[in-house]
């Protein structure tokens, strides 16, 4: 199990692409994905629990490219 924490965003954040990324990579609903992006824009931290650590790393890399500030925590994290 891995946790990706979306903790902020940079100017130029690609909101629609970040919403689509959650839907496509994580299988989330449009409503939940959009809500996460809206919350992020309100400076709230979003914690996404992802079963597959490789998928979590892929998601983090793509989210960073889209303008989100993220951190990854895995079960190995102490």
Protein backbone atom coordinates (compact mmCIF):
# COMPACT_ATOMS: atom_id res chain seq x y z
CA UNK A 1 0.00 0.00 0.00
CA UNK A 2 1.24 3.45 -0.88
CA UNK A 3 -0.07 6.91 -0.12
CA UNK A 4 0.28 9.81 -2.49
CA UNK A 5 -0.31 13.13 -0.78
CA UNK A 6 -1.25 16.05 -2.99
CA UNK A 7 -0.20 18.94 -0.79
CA UNK A 8 -0.22 21.95 -3.06
CA UNK A 9 -0.10 23.22 -6.60
CA UNK A 10 1.97 25.45 -8.83
CA UNK A 11 0.85 28.20 -11.17
CA UNK A 12 -0.39 26.67 -14.41
CA UNK A 13 -1.88 23.59 -12.75
CA UNK A 14 -3.67 21.55 -15.39
CA UNK A 15 -6.89 20.95 -13.47
CA UNK A 16 -8.78 19.01 -16.13
CA UNK A 17 -5.77 16.80 -16.85
CA UNK A 18 -5.28 16.11 -13.14
CA UNK A 19 -8.94 15.15 -12.87
CA UNK A 20 -8.61 12.81 -15.87
CA UNK A 21 -5.41 11.31 -14.46
CA UNK A 22 -7.23 10.22 -11.30
CA UNK A 23 -10.03 8.68 -13.36
CA UNK A 24 -7.74 6.86 -15.79
CA UNK A 25 -4.95 5.70 -13.47
CA UNK A 26 -6.84 5.19 -10.22
CA UNK A 27 -10.33 4.32 -11.45
CA UNK A 28 -11.93 7.13 -9.46
CA UNK A 29 -15.27 8.69 -10.36
CA UNK A 30 -15.47 12.05 -12.08
CA UNK A 31 -17.22 13.51 -9.04
CA UNK A 32 -14.53 12.35 -6.61
CA UNK A 33 -11.67 13.34 -8.92
CA UNK A 34 -13.05 16.83 -9.48
CA UNK A 35 -13.71 17.22 -5.76
CA UNK A 36 -10.06 16.33 -5.04
CA UNK A 37 -8.82 18.95 -7.50
CA UNK A 38 -11.20 21.60 -6.11
CA UNK A 39 -10.02 20.81 -2.57
CA UNK A 40 -6.39 21.03 -3.68
CA UNK A 41 -7.08 24.48 -5.13
CA UNK A 42 -8.48 25.46 -1.71
CA UNK A 43 -5.08 24.51 -0.19
CA UNK A 44 -6.34 21.28 1.36
CA UNK A 45 -4.12 18.20 1.37
CA UNK A 46 -5.47 15.18 -0.49
CA UNK A 47 -4.41 11.68 0.57
CA UNK A 48 -4.80 8.95 -2.05
CA UNK A 49 -4.27 5.35 -0.92
CA UNK A 50 -3.07 3.20 -3.81
CA UNK A 51 -2.60 -0.58 -3.53
CA UNK A 52 0.11 -0.83 -6.20
CA UNK A 53 3.33 1.05 -5.36
CA UNK A 54 4.42 1.18 -9.01
CA UNK A 55 1.10 2.71 -9.97
CA UNK A 56 1.49 5.22 -7.13
CA UNK A 57 4.92 6.23 -8.45
CA UNK A 58 3.56 6.62 -11.98
CA UNK A 59 0.65 8.69 -10.72
CA UNK A 60 2.94 10.93 -8.67
CA UNK A 61 5.28 11.57 -11.61
CA UNK A 62 2.41 12.49 -13.91
CA UNK A 63 0.67 14.64 -11.30
CA UNK A 64 3.92 16.54 -10.71
CA UNK A 65 4.18 17.21 -14.46
CA UNK A 66 0.65 18.62 -14.38
CA UNK A 67 1.55 21.11 -11.64
CA UNK A 68 0.67 19.33 -8.39
CA UNK A 69 3.08 19.18 -5.47
CA UNK A 70 3.09 15.58 -4.24
CA UNK A 71 4.79 13.23 -1.81
CA UNK A 72 4.84 9.45 -1.82
CA UNK A 73 4.80 7.25 1.28
CA UNK A 74 5.08 3.49 1.01
CA UNK A 75 4.88 0.66 3.53
CA UNK A 76 8.68 0.72 3.54
CA UNK A 77 8.61 4.30 4.89
CA UNK A 78 9.66 4.46 8.53
